[in-house]
Amino acid sequence: MFNILRAHSKQFIFIDVKIFDKEQNRYIDYNQNYGYVSNTNVNVNITDQNKQEIFSSVGITNDKGLFETKYLIPDNSKRETLTITINAENENSITSKILQVFTLGNIPNDGGP
Protein backbone atom coordinates (compact mmCIF):
# COMPACT_ATOMS: atom_id res chain seq x y z
CA MET A 1 0.00 0.00 0.00
CA PHE A 2 1.34 3.45 -0.92
CA ASN A 3 0.56 6.79 0.69
CA ILE A 4 2.03 9.87 -0.98
CA LEU A 5 3.13 12.97 0.92
CA ARG A 6 4.86 16.21 -0.12
CA ALA A 7 7.44 18.23 1.78
CA HIS A 8 9.72 21.20 1.13
CA SER A 9 13.29 21.72 2.31
CA LYS A 10 13.60 22.55 6.01
CA GLN A 11 10.30 20.80 6.81
CA PHE A 12 9.91 17.74 8.98
CA ILE A 13 8.36 14.49 7.85
CA PHE A 14 6.60 13.15 10.95
CA ILE A 15 6.25 9.39 11.03
CA ASP A 16 3.82 7.97 13.58
CA VAL A 17 3.50 4.19 13.68
CA LYS A 18 0.63 2.77 15.71
CA ILE A 19 0.28 -0.98 16.13
CA PHE A 20 -3.09 -2.61 16.87
CA ASP A 21 -4.25 -6.15 17.44
CA LYS A 22 -5.92 -7.03 14.12
CA GLU A 23 -8.78 -8.85 15.87
CA GLN A 24 -9.60 -5.74 17.91
CA ASN A 25 -9.24 -3.28 15.01
CA ARG A 26 -10.88 -4.95 12.04
CA TYR A 27 -11.61 -1.61 10.29
CA ILE A 28 -7.99 -0.39 10.49
CA ASP A 29 -9.06 2.73 12.41
CA TYR A 30 -5.93 4.66 13.42
CA ASN A 31 -7.97 6.69 15.92
CA GLN A 32 -9.33 3.67 17.80
CA ASN A 33 -8.57 3.98 21.52
CA TYR A 34 -8.15 0.30 22.47
CA GLY A 35 -6.46 -2.85 21.21
CA TYR A 36 -2.95 -1.41 21.13
CA VAL A 37 0.10 -3.64 20.90
CA SER A 38 2.99 -2.38 23.01
CA ASN A 39 6.61 -3.57 22.95
CA THR A 40 6.67 -4.04 19.18
CA ASN A 41 10.02 -3.46 17.46
CA VAL A 42 9.77 -0.79 14.76
CA ASN A 43 12.36 0.02 12.09
CA VAL A 44 11.88 3.07 9.82
CA ASN A 45 14.16 3.56 6.80
CA ILE A 46 14.12 6.40 4.29
CA THR A 47 15.89 5.93 0.96
CA ASP A 48 16.43 8.33 -1.92
CA GLN A 49 15.77 7.70 -5.61
CA ASN A 50 19.11 5.86 -5.87
CA LYS A 51 18.01 3.50 -3.08
CA GLN A 52 20.65 4.98 -0.75
CA GLU A 53 19.60 5.09 2.90
CA ILE A 54 19.44 8.69 4.13
CA PHE A 55 17.71 8.14 7.48
CA SER A 56 16.83 5.31 9.83
CA SER A 57 15.18 5.09 13.21
CA VAL A 58 14.66 2.06 15.43
CA GLY A 59 12.49 1.81 18.52
CA ILE A 60 9.72 0.06 20.41
CA THR A 61 6.03 0.95 20.61
CA ASN A 62 4.87 2.44 23.91
CA ASP A 63 1.88 1.41 26.04
CA LYS A 64 -0.46 3.02 23.45
CA GLY A 65 1.09 0.99 20.62
CA LEU A 66 2.79 4.13 19.26
CA PHE A 67 6.28 4.79 17.91
CA GLU A 68 7.11 8.32 16.72
CA THR A 69 10.06 9.68 14.75
CA LYS A 70 10.75 12.57 12.39
CA TYR A 71 13.12 13.44 9.56
CA LEU A 72 14.13 16.97 8.55
CA ILE A 73 14.33 17.53 4.80
CA PRO A 74 17.73 19.26 4.35
CA ASP A 75 18.00 22.87 3.16
CA ASN A 76 18.36 23.15 -0.63
CA SER A 77 17.34 19.53 -1.14
CA LYS A 78 16.65 18.50 -4.70
CA ARG A 79 13.26 17.50 -6.01
CA GLU A 80 13.01 13.74 -5.73
CA THR A 81 10.88 10.91 -4.46
CA LEU A 82 11.88 9.39 -1.12
CA THR A 83 10.69 5.96 -0.03
CA ILE A 84 9.83 5.31 3.61
CA THR A 85 9.81 1.65 4.62
CA ILE A 86 8.32 0.77 8.00
CA ASN A 87 8.84 -2.69 9.46
CA ALA A 88 7.24 -3.81 12.72
CA GLU A 89 7.83 -7.12 14.45
CA ASN A 90 6.92 -8.79 17.74
CA GLU A 91 6.70 -12.39 18.91
CA ASN A 92 3.32 -12.84 17.17
CA SER A 93 3.67 -11.14 13.79
CA ILE A 94 5.67 -9.17 11.24
CA THR A 95 4.27 -6.38 9.08
CA SER A 96 5.59 -3.81 6.63
CA LYS A 97 4.34 -0.63 4.96
CA ILE A 98 5.81 1.58 2.24
CA LEU A 99 5.16 5.32 1.87
CA GLN A 100 6.43 7.82 -0.68
CA VAL A 101 7.36 11.44 -0.07
CA PHE A 102 8.00 13.97 -2.83
CA THR A 103 10.60 16.50 -1.75
CA LEU A 104 9.94 19.81 -3.48
CA GLY A 105 13.13 21.74 -2.75
CA ASN A 106 12.99 25.13 -1.07
CA ILE A 107 9.67 26.95 -0.61
CA PRO A 108 9.38 29.53 -3.43
CA ASN A 109 9.56 33.19 -2.38
CA ASP A 110 6.23 33.87 -4.12
CA GLY A 111 4.50 31.24 -1.97
CA GLY A 112 3.78 28.97 -4.92
CA PRO A 113 3.89 25.15 -4.81
Foldseek 3Di string as FASTA:
>chain_A
DEDEAEEEAQDKDKDKDWAFDCVVCVPPDPPDQDRGDWFKKKKKFKAWPVRHTDDIDIDTQHPRRIDIDMDGRHAQDDWGKMKIKMWIGDPPDIDIDIYIYTYHHHQDPVRDD
